[in-house]
Amino acid sequence: MKTRLHSLALGLLSLCATSVFAQSDAKTPRNYADNLISSSGVIDPQNAVDDNRDNYAVLRTDIGILNFASINVGFSTPGEGGQRVVIEVQNDNGLLTADLLQSISVSVFDSQGNKIAQKSGFDLTEAHVIEGTSHYKLSVHIKNNVLDIASVRIRVAGLLTLSNRLRLYNVWLLPTCPDIVGDVLYASHHVSNANNAISKDRDDYALLTPPLLLGNSYLDIAFSQPGIAGKNVRFNLGEGNALIDASLLNNITLTVYNTNGDVVANQSGFTLADAEILPNGKFYLSIKTPDGDYQIGRGRITFTSLVNVLTTLKVYNIVTFQDCPDALQDGSTNNPVSLIDLQTAPNPFSSYTTLNIKSKLSNPAYVVISDKAGNLVEQHQISCASSMRLLQNAPSGIYFVKITSGNLVEVRKVIKM
């Protein structure tokens, strides 16, 4: 059951975002909402659509979940399907809290007044801090088949014990930035339906079946549009005839080549901590490429047989990522700023893991732990270098430990066996 945070409304829990993003308003043209359609319970609503990006409107509600404030803004130049609606917000009462995030809803309409998207409530993983500020980006993705994006309504509900005050700086449309998908079969060995890994149907898969004992199978897929040095290459995989576990992951090797055929990245022996687990037996494994003067040409996955066990592995596709202005994500961790001397050990663990922050902190650190579904499991505040036990009473599973201290952000994945 999803943990509710209303009992913590009086606390100033700092939102710990998954990534830090550079603010680049001056460099990146944006399609801003520039038309105020209506508002209720909003102070200075015109500030949300003016030309000054430092001004803000305040959506103010009284105590009680039946109370709300709302603002509806429009675009003189309508957007199109596949884009994201992004709102830049801040808590007018102090730090952005999980309760306040849950109280926000965003509805998007086309030029005919039809509601084309809605999101009610945001969680800790969906807010992205703008570097050097206490502002956050929240976004809603619009389906590709939508004809136009004309207006956005932001609504904030009251809390049980506190009034809500949300600053809204602006609303804009984030252009589409599609993944670069591997679309050329370069080579394969002991693979069934290899072409499924490059098909346009993302539910098709190739099946790697290495022979028993010391054999292996591999699938080599090239990009007709070369990738960018320094980006991740992500392999979208699935369980074959065995569930994902440490032994299966340990027998996987990922290799990335440049367009000249030279190896630029290679990693073997993955663990559960490396995998991003998805529903229905799917999971991601990613490999980071180094910066440099080259282009990503292709990626190979090699699957080595387990001793005396016939095991299969599904490969759906491989992707890499473009350089997109103001991108909210690039399909992987976006290089969060590291906290000095931060450790979570052991990992994996059976009883508890220990969080160690050895450096002196110039700002308090806030720790938020969530499970795979984004549900809050634990939260802590640390005011100095310290050590604490985490997840002692939690069941087995995969958890994300998110720590913020000032503008520093760190995310660690831990596994309780």
Protein backbone atom coordinates (compact mmCIF):
# COMPACT_ATOMS: atom_id res chain seq x y z
CA MET A 1 0.00 0.00 0.00
CA LYS A 2 1.37 3.36 -0.95
CA THR A 3 2.62 5.31 2.06
CA ARG A 4 0.88 8.64 2.58
CA LEU A 5 2.80 11.55 3.95
CA HIS A 6 0.03 13.73 5.40
CA SER A 7 1.17 13.01 8.94
CA LEU A 8 4.47 14.64 8.04
CA ALA A 9 3.03 17.84 6.67
CA LEU A 10 4.50 19.94 9.48
CA GLY A 11 7.99 18.72 8.73
CA LEU A 12 10.18 20.38 6.13
CA LEU A 13 11.23 17.30 4.23
CA SER A 14 13.45 18.42 1.39
CA LEU A 15 12.61 16.86 -1.95
CA CYS A 16 15.44 14.65 -3.13
CA ALA A 17 15.34 14.55 -6.93
CA THR A 18 16.85 11.85 -9.05
CA SER A 19 19.01 14.20 -11.09
CA VAL A 20 20.38 17.72 -11.28
CA PHE A 21 19.86 19.70 -14.47
CA ALA A 22 21.54 22.86 -15.66
CA GLN A 23 19.33 25.90 -16.15
CA SER A 24 19.80 27.17 -19.70
CA ASP A 25 16.90 29.53 -20.34
CA ALA A 26 19.08 32.06 -22.13
CA LYS A 27 20.45 29.53 -24.61
CA THR A 28 17.45 27.36 -25.48
CA PRO A 29 14.41 28.77 -27.32
CA ARG A 30 11.21 27.61 -25.65
CA ASN A 31 7.56 27.73 -26.48
CA TYR A 32 6.25 29.39 -23.30
CA ALA A 33 2.64 29.67 -22.28
CA ASP A 34 1.96 33.37 -22.88
CA ASN A 35 -1.81 33.68 -22.47
CA LEU A 36 -3.66 33.80 -19.13
CA ILE A 37 -7.05 32.13 -19.67
CA SER A 38 -8.42 31.95 -16.12
CA SER A 39 -7.42 31.63 -12.48
CA SER A 40 -8.95 31.05 -9.06
CA GLY A 41 -7.18 31.46 -5.74
CA VAL A 42 -4.03 32.75 -7.46
CA ILE A 43 -1.93 35.77 -6.46
CA ASP A 44 -0.44 37.68 -9.43
CA PRO A 45 -1.56 35.10 -12.02
CA GLN A 46 -0.20 37.20 -14.91
CA ASN A 47 3.33 36.54 -13.62
CA ALA A 48 3.04 32.96 -14.89
CA VAL A 49 2.75 34.14 -18.50
CA ASP A 50 4.86 37.32 -18.59
CA ASP A 51 8.28 37.75 -20.17
CA ASN A 52 10.11 37.89 -16.84
CA ARG A 53 11.14 34.37 -15.87
CA ASP A 54 12.01 35.51 -12.33
CA ASN A 55 8.39 36.49 -11.59
CA TYR A 56 5.95 33.95 -10.24
CA ALA A 57 2.27 33.46 -9.52
CA VAL A 58 1.23 31.90 -6.21
CA LEU A 59 -1.49 29.26 -6.09
CA ARG A 60 -2.88 29.56 -2.56
CA THR A 61 -5.32 27.19 -0.85
CA ASP A 62 -6.85 27.07 2.60
CA ILE A 63 -6.60 24.08 4.93
CA GLY A 64 -8.72 21.15 3.73
CA ILE A 65 -8.52 18.76 0.80
CA LEU A 66 -11.76 20.16 -0.69
CA ASN A 67 -10.16 23.57 -1.15
CA PHE A 68 -8.11 24.28 -4.24
CA ALA A 69 -6.50 26.95 -6.39
CA SER A 70 -6.10 26.71 -10.16
CA ILE A 71 -4.68 28.57 -13.13
CA ASN A 72 -5.24 27.94 -16.83
CA VAL A 73 -2.63 29.20 -19.32
CA GLY A 74 -2.47 28.95 -23.10
CA PHE A 75 0.06 28.89 -25.94
CA SER A 76 -0.15 31.39 -28.80
CA THR A 77 1.81 28.82 -30.80
CA PRO A 78 0.19 25.42 -30.11
CA GLY A 79 2.41 22.44 -29.43
CA GLU A 80 2.22 19.01 -31.00
CA GLY A 81 1.95 15.39 -29.97
CA GLY A 82 5.05 13.77 -28.51
CA GLN A 83 6.13 16.88 -26.62
CA ARG A 84 6.24 17.34 -22.85
CA VAL A 85 4.47 20.04 -20.88
CA VAL A 86 6.88 21.33 -18.23
CA ILE A 87 6.01 23.52 -15.26
CA GLU A 88 8.61 25.27 -13.10
CA VAL A 89 7.54 25.44 -9.46
CA GLN A 90 8.70 26.20 -5.93
CA ASN A 91 7.12 25.97 -2.48
CA ASP A 92 6.18 29.46 -1.27
CA ASN A 93 6.22 28.17 2.33
CA GLY A 94 9.81 26.88 2.30
CA LEU A 95 11.13 23.56 1.04
CA LEU A 96 9.19 21.55 -1.50
CA THR A 97 7.46 18.70 0.34
CA ALA A 98 6.14 15.33 -0.75
CA ASP A 99 2.64 16.34 0.42
CA LEU A 100 2.68 19.40 -1.80
CA LEU A 101 3.75 17.28 -4.78
CA GLN A 102 0.84 14.91 -4.17
CA SER A 103 -1.60 17.83 -4.16
CA ILE A 104 -0.64 19.08 -7.65
CA SER A 105 -2.59 18.05 -10.73
CA VAL A 106 -1.90 19.08 -14.33
CA SER A 107 -4.47 18.86 -17.15
CA VAL A 108 -3.64 19.53 -20.80
CA PHE A 109 -6.17 20.53 -23.50
CA ASP A 110 -6.17 20.81 -27.28
CA SER A 111 -7.53 23.73 -29.29
CA GLN A 112 -11.02 22.17 -29.28
CA GLY A 113 -11.10 22.07 -25.49
CA ASN A 114 -10.62 18.29 -25.30
CA LYS A 115 -8.57 17.02 -22.37
CA ILE A 116 -5.62 15.20 -23.96
CA ALA A 117 -3.58 14.41 -20.83
CA GLN A 118 -3.87 14.58 -17.07
CA LYS A 119 -1.62 13.75 -14.16
CA SER A 120 -2.87 13.94 -10.58
CA GLY A 121 -0.14 13.87 -7.97
CA PHE A 122 3.63 13.68 -8.46
CA ASP A 123 6.10 11.60 -6.50
CA LEU A 124 9.67 12.11 -5.37
CA THR A 125 11.22 10.66 -8.51
CA GLU A 126 9.32 12.92 -10.91
CA ALA A 127 10.62 16.32 -9.79
CA HIS A 128 13.93 17.56 -11.19
CA VAL A 129 15.81 20.32 -9.41
CA ILE A 130 17.13 23.23 -11.47
CA GLU A 131 20.78 23.57 -10.56
CA GLY A 132 21.64 26.51 -8.33
CA THR A 133 18.01 27.13 -7.33
CA SER A 134 15.24 25.66 -5.18
CA HIS A 135 13.00 25.45 -8.28
CA TYR A 136 11.82 22.14 -9.70
CA LYS A 137 10.58 20.90 -13.07
CA LEU A 138 7.49 18.71 -13.29
CA SER A 139 6.39 17.33 -16.64
CA VAL A 140 3.56 15.52 -18.39
CA HIS A 141 4.18 13.64 -21.63
CA ILE A 142 1.66 14.07 -24.46
CA LYS A 143 0.91 11.09 -26.71
CA ASN A 144 2.23 11.16 -30.26
CA ASN A 145 -1.23 10.98 -31.86
CA VAL A 146 -2.40 14.29 -30.37
CA LEU A 147 -2.94 16.99 -33.00
CA ASP A 148 -2.14 20.07 -30.93
CA ILE A 149 -1.45 21.32 -27.39
CA ALA A 150 -3.30 24.57 -26.67
CA SER A 151 -3.59 25.08 -22.90
CA VAL A 152 -2.58 23.75 -19.49
CA ARG A 153 -4.46 23.90 -16.20
CA ILE A 154 -2.51 23.55 -12.94
CA ARG A 155 -4.48 22.83 -9.82
CA VAL A 156 -3.32 22.63 -6.19
CA ALA A 157 -5.50 21.10 -3.48
CA GLY A 158 -5.36 22.01 0.21
CA LEU A 159 -3.82 19.76 2.85
CA LEU A 160 -5.49 18.32 5.94
CA THR A 161 -3.40 20.36 8.37
CA LEU A 162 -1.74 23.13 6.33
CA SER A 163 -2.59 25.64 3.66
CA ASN A 164 -0.70 25.18 0.39
CA ARG A 165 1.22 27.90 -1.42
CA LEU A 166 2.85 26.89 -4.70
CA ARG A 167 4.92 29.32 -6.78
CA LEU A 168 4.46 28.88 -10.52
CA TYR A 169 7.16 30.57 -12.57
CA ASN A 170 6.25 29.46 -16.08
CA VAL A 171 4.94 26.69 -18.30
CA TRP A 172 6.63 25.59 -21.51
CA LEU A 173 6.71 22.81 -24.09
CA LEU A 174 9.74 20.54 -24.31
CA PRO A 175 10.37 19.37 -27.89
CA THR A 176 10.53 15.69 -28.63
CA CYS A 177 13.93 14.07 -28.42
CA PRO A 178 13.64 10.47 -29.64
CA ASP A 179 16.08 7.76 -28.70
CA ILE A 180 18.58 6.58 -31.30
CA VAL A 181 17.53 2.98 -31.84
CA GLY A 182 19.84 0.24 -33.10
CA ASP A 183 18.36 -0.69 -36.47
CA VAL A 184 20.99 -2.74 -38.32
CA LEU A 185 21.75 -6.40 -37.57
CA TYR A 186 25.54 -6.57 -37.68
CA ALA A 187 26.19 -10.13 -36.43
CA SER A 188 24.62 -12.87 -34.33
CA HIS A 189 25.53 -16.29 -32.97
CA HIS A 190 23.15 -18.81 -31.37
CA VAL A 191 20.27 -16.33 -31.62
CA SER A 192 16.68 -17.05 -32.62
CA ASN A 193 14.70 -14.38 -34.49
CA ALA A 194 17.64 -11.96 -34.43
CA ASN A 195 15.81 -9.44 -36.62
CA ASN A 196 13.21 -8.93 -33.90
CA ALA A 197 15.79 -6.90 -31.98
CA ILE A 198 15.79 -4.27 -34.74
CA SER A 199 12.09 -4.38 -35.64
CA LYS A 200 9.80 -1.42 -35.11
CA ASP A 201 7.59 -3.53 -32.86
CA ARG A 202 9.11 -2.95 -29.42
CA ASP A 203 7.38 -6.05 -28.04
CA ASP A 204 9.29 -8.35 -30.43
CA TYR A 205 12.45 -9.91 -29.10
CA ALA A 206 15.42 -11.94 -30.23
CA LEU A 207 16.29 -14.96 -28.08
CA LEU A 208 19.87 -15.71 -27.07
CA THR A 209 20.42 -19.41 -26.33
CA PRO A 210 24.06 -20.26 -25.59
CA PRO A 211 25.06 -23.91 -25.81
CA LEU A 212 25.74 -25.84 -22.63
CA LEU A 213 29.07 -25.86 -20.81
CA LEU A 214 31.47 -23.19 -22.15
CA GLY A 215 29.49 -21.83 -25.10
CA ASN A 216 28.06 -18.36 -25.59
CA SER A 217 25.69 -16.48 -27.83
CA TYR A 218 25.91 -12.89 -28.94
CA LEU A 219 23.94 -10.25 -30.78
CA ASP A 220 25.64 -7.30 -32.45
CA ILE A 221 23.43 -4.35 -33.47
CA ALA A 222 24.56 -1.18 -35.27
CA PHE A 223 23.12 2.34 -35.38
CA SER A 224 22.49 3.74 -38.86
CA GLN A 225 22.42 7.12 -37.10
CA PRO A 226 25.65 7.12 -35.05
CA GLY A 227 25.43 7.91 -31.36
CA ILE A 228 27.22 10.60 -29.37
CA ALA A 229 30.39 9.93 -27.39
CA GLY A 230 29.82 10.05 -23.65
CA LYS A 231 26.23 8.84 -23.80
CA ASN A 232 24.89 5.61 -22.34
CA VAL A 233 23.98 2.65 -24.50
CA ARG A 234 20.99 0.84 -23.01
CA PHE A 235 20.08 -2.78 -23.74
CA ASN A 236 16.38 -3.52 -23.28
CA LEU A 237 16.23 -7.12 -22.10
CA GLY A 238 13.85 -9.71 -20.73
CA GLU A 239 13.86 -12.97 -18.82
CA GLY A 240 13.97 -16.06 -20.99
CA ASN A 241 13.29 -19.41 -19.33
CA ALA A 242 14.72 -18.25 -15.98
CA LEU A 243 14.01 -15.36 -13.64
CA ILE A 244 16.51 -12.54 -13.42
CA ASP A 245 19.05 -13.27 -10.70
CA ALA A 246 22.70 -12.69 -9.85
CA SER A 247 23.97 -15.72 -11.78
CA LEU A 248 22.16 -14.75 -14.98
CA LEU A 249 23.40 -11.15 -14.85
CA ASN A 250 26.93 -12.28 -14.04
CA ASN A 251 27.04 -14.09 -17.40
CA ILE A 252 26.24 -11.01 -19.49
CA THR A 253 28.85 -8.84 -21.22
CA LEU A 254 28.09 -5.54 -22.94
CA THR A 255 30.46 -4.03 -25.50
CA VAL A 256 30.21 -0.75 -27.42
CA TYR A 257 32.18 0.03 -30.59
CA ASN A 258 32.79 3.31 -32.39
CA THR A 259 32.08 3.74 -36.09
CA ASN A 260 35.63 2.54 -36.87
CA GLY A 261 35.00 -0.77 -35.11
CA ASP A 262 37.16 -0.01 -32.07
CA VAL A 263 35.96 -0.99 -28.59
CA VAL A 264 35.18 2.13 -26.55
CA ALA A 265 33.39 0.51 -23.58
CA ASN A 266 33.13 -2.99 -22.17
CA GLN A 267 31.61 -4.41 -19.02
CA SER A 268 31.15 -7.98 -17.79
CA GLY A 269 29.58 -9.53 -14.75
CA PHE A 270 26.58 -7.37 -13.93
CA THR A 271 24.74 -7.53 -10.60
CA LEU A 272 21.18 -6.88 -9.51
CA ALA A 273 22.30 -3.42 -8.40
CA ASP A 274 23.19 -2.63 -12.04
CA ALA A 275 19.81 -3.64 -13.48
CA GLU A 276 16.76 -1.43 -13.78
CA ILE A 277 13.92 -3.88 -13.15
CA LEU A 278 10.71 -3.33 -15.13
CA PRO A 279 7.33 -5.09 -15.00
CA ASN A 280 6.61 -8.32 -16.88
CA GLY A 281 10.10 -9.77 -16.64
CA LYS A 282 11.80 -6.92 -18.51
CA PHE A 283 14.91 -5.06 -17.36
CA TYR A 284 17.52 -2.59 -18.58
CA LEU A 285 21.28 -2.86 -18.51
CA SER A 286 23.29 0.22 -19.50
CA ILE A 287 26.93 0.88 -20.24
CA LYS A 288 28.47 4.37 -20.15
CA THR A 289 30.73 5.41 -23.00
CA PRO A 290 33.67 7.77 -22.38
CA ASP A 291 33.81 11.32 -23.66
CA GLY A 292 35.92 11.75 -26.78
CA ASP A 293 36.14 12.59 -30.45
CA TYR A 294 34.25 9.62 -31.90
CA GLN A 295 30.74 8.36 -32.63
CA ILE A 296 28.98 5.30 -31.26
CA GLY A 297 28.63 2.75 -34.04
CA ARG A 298 27.20 -0.43 -32.54
CA GLY A 299 26.63 -2.44 -29.38
CA ARG A 300 27.03 -6.12 -28.62
CA ILE A 301 25.53 -8.27 -25.89
CA THR A 302 27.21 -11.59 -25.14
CA PHE A 303 25.49 -14.20 -23.00
CA THR A 304 27.60 -17.06 -21.65
CA SER A 305 25.99 -20.35 -20.71
CA LEU A 306 25.48 -21.30 -17.10
CA VAL A 307 27.14 -24.58 -16.17
CA ASN A 308 24.89 -27.53 -17.07
CA VAL A 309 21.85 -25.26 -17.43
CA LEU A 310 20.20 -24.33 -20.71
CA THR A 311 19.29 -20.68 -20.20
CA THR A 312 17.82 -18.11 -22.60
CA LEU A 313 17.77 -14.31 -22.62
CA LYS A 314 15.45 -11.95 -24.52
CA VAL A 315 16.76 -8.87 -26.33
CA TYR A 316 14.11 -6.35 -27.37
CA ASN A 317 16.34 -3.57 -28.72
CA ILE A 318 19.25 -1.31 -27.89
CA VAL A 319 19.20 2.49 -27.75
CA THR A 320 21.48 5.43 -27.16
CA PHE A 321 20.57 9.04 -26.52
CA GLN A 322 20.81 12.37 -28.27
CA ASP A 323 21.93 15.75 -26.95
CA CYS A 324 18.61 17.46 -26.36
CA PRO A 325 18.30 20.95 -24.85
CA ASP A 326 16.56 20.87 -21.47
CA ALA A 327 16.02 17.11 -21.68
CA LEU A 328 14.47 15.83 -18.46
CA GLN A 329 16.09 12.43 -18.84
CA ASP A 330 18.49 10.62 -21.16
CA GLY A 331 17.33 7.12 -20.26
CA SER A 332 19.79 6.72 -17.40
CA THR A 333 21.26 8.46 -14.41
CA ASN A 334 22.21 11.98 -15.47
CA ASN A 335 25.50 12.21 -13.59
CA PRO A 336 24.23 13.57 -10.27
CA VAL A 337 26.74 15.59 -8.27
CA SER A 338 28.41 13.25 -5.83
CA LEU A 339 28.47 13.78 -2.09
CA ILE A 340 32.04 13.46 -0.83
CA ASP A 341 32.86 10.23 1.04
CA LEU A 342 29.33 8.84 0.78
CA GLN A 343 28.95 5.07 1.20
CA THR A 344 26.08 2.60 1.42
CA ALA A 345 27.44 -0.75 2.55
CA PRO A 346 27.01 -3.63 2.35
CA ASN A 347 25.11 -3.84 -0.92
CA PRO A 348 23.40 -6.24 -1.47
CA PHE A 349 22.57 -6.93 2.20
CA SER A 350 20.37 -9.25 4.24
CA SER A 351 19.54 -7.38 7.47
CA TYR A 352 20.41 -3.70 6.95
CA THR A 353 22.72 -1.40 5.05
CA THR A 354 24.65 1.45 6.62
CA LEU A 355 24.73 4.95 5.19
CA ASN A 356 28.04 6.68 5.95
CA ILE A 357 28.57 10.38 5.28
CA LYS A 358 32.13 11.09 6.35
CA SER A 359 32.55 14.66 5.11
CA LYS A 360 31.54 17.72 7.09
CA LEU A 361 28.27 19.03 5.62
CA SER A 362 27.78 22.73 4.87
CA ASN A 363 24.02 22.09 4.60
CA PRO A 364 21.71 19.53 6.24
CA ALA A 365 21.32 16.29 4.27
CA TYR A 366 17.90 14.84 3.61
CA VAL A 367 17.53 11.11 2.99
CA VAL A 368 14.47 9.68 1.22
CA ILE A 369 14.19 5.94 0.53
CA SER A 370 11.62 4.61 -1.90
CA ASP A 371 10.83 1.19 -3.35
CA LYS A 372 10.62 0.23 -7.05
CA ALA A 373 7.07 1.55 -7.28
CA GLY A 374 8.10 4.96 -5.91
CA ASN A 375 6.46 4.42 -2.50
CA LEU A 376 8.13 6.14 0.45
CA VAL A 377 9.77 3.63 2.81
CA GLU A 378 11.96 5.75 5.10
CA GLN A 379 13.12 9.34 5.49
CA HIS A 380 15.83 10.95 7.64
CA GLN A 381 17.54 14.29 8.18
CA ILE A 382 21.29 14.50 8.88
CA SER A 383 22.93 17.69 10.14
CA CYS A 384 26.55 16.53 10.28
CA ALA A 385 28.88 13.76 9.17
CA SER A 386 27.32 10.59 10.54
CA SER A 387 26.41 6.95 10.07
CA MET A 388 22.98 5.32 10.25
CA ARG A 389 21.35 1.97 9.58
CA LEU A 390 18.78 1.82 6.82
CA LEU A 391 15.99 -0.61 5.86
CA GLN A 392 16.22 -2.80 8.97
CA ASN A 393 12.47 -3.50 8.95
CA ALA A 394 11.94 -3.49 5.19
CA PRO A 395 11.13 -6.66 3.24
CA SER A 396 13.46 -8.03 0.57
CA GLY A 397 13.54 -5.98 -2.61
CA ILE A 398 15.17 -3.15 -4.56
CA TYR A 399 15.27 0.31 -2.99
CA PHE A 400 16.50 3.77 -4.00
CA VAL A 401 18.32 5.89 -1.43
CA LYS A 402 18.24 9.57 -2.40
CA ILE A 403 20.32 12.13 -0.52
CA THR A 404 20.33 15.90 -1.00
CA SER A 405 22.49 18.50 0.72
CA GLY A 406 22.18 21.99 -0.71
CA ASN A 407 22.68 21.60 -4.46
CA LEU A 408 24.38 18.22 -4.09
CA VAL A 409 22.30 15.19 -5.06
CA GLU A 410 23.12 11.49 -4.85
CA VAL A 411 21.01 8.45 -5.73
CA ARG A 412 22.02 4.91 -4.75
CA LYS A 413 20.26 1.66 -5.60
CA VAL A 414 20.47 -0.96 -2.85
CA ILE A 415 19.16 -4.53 -2.70
CA LYS A 416 17.90 -6.38 0.34
CA MET A 417 18.17 -10.11 -0.17
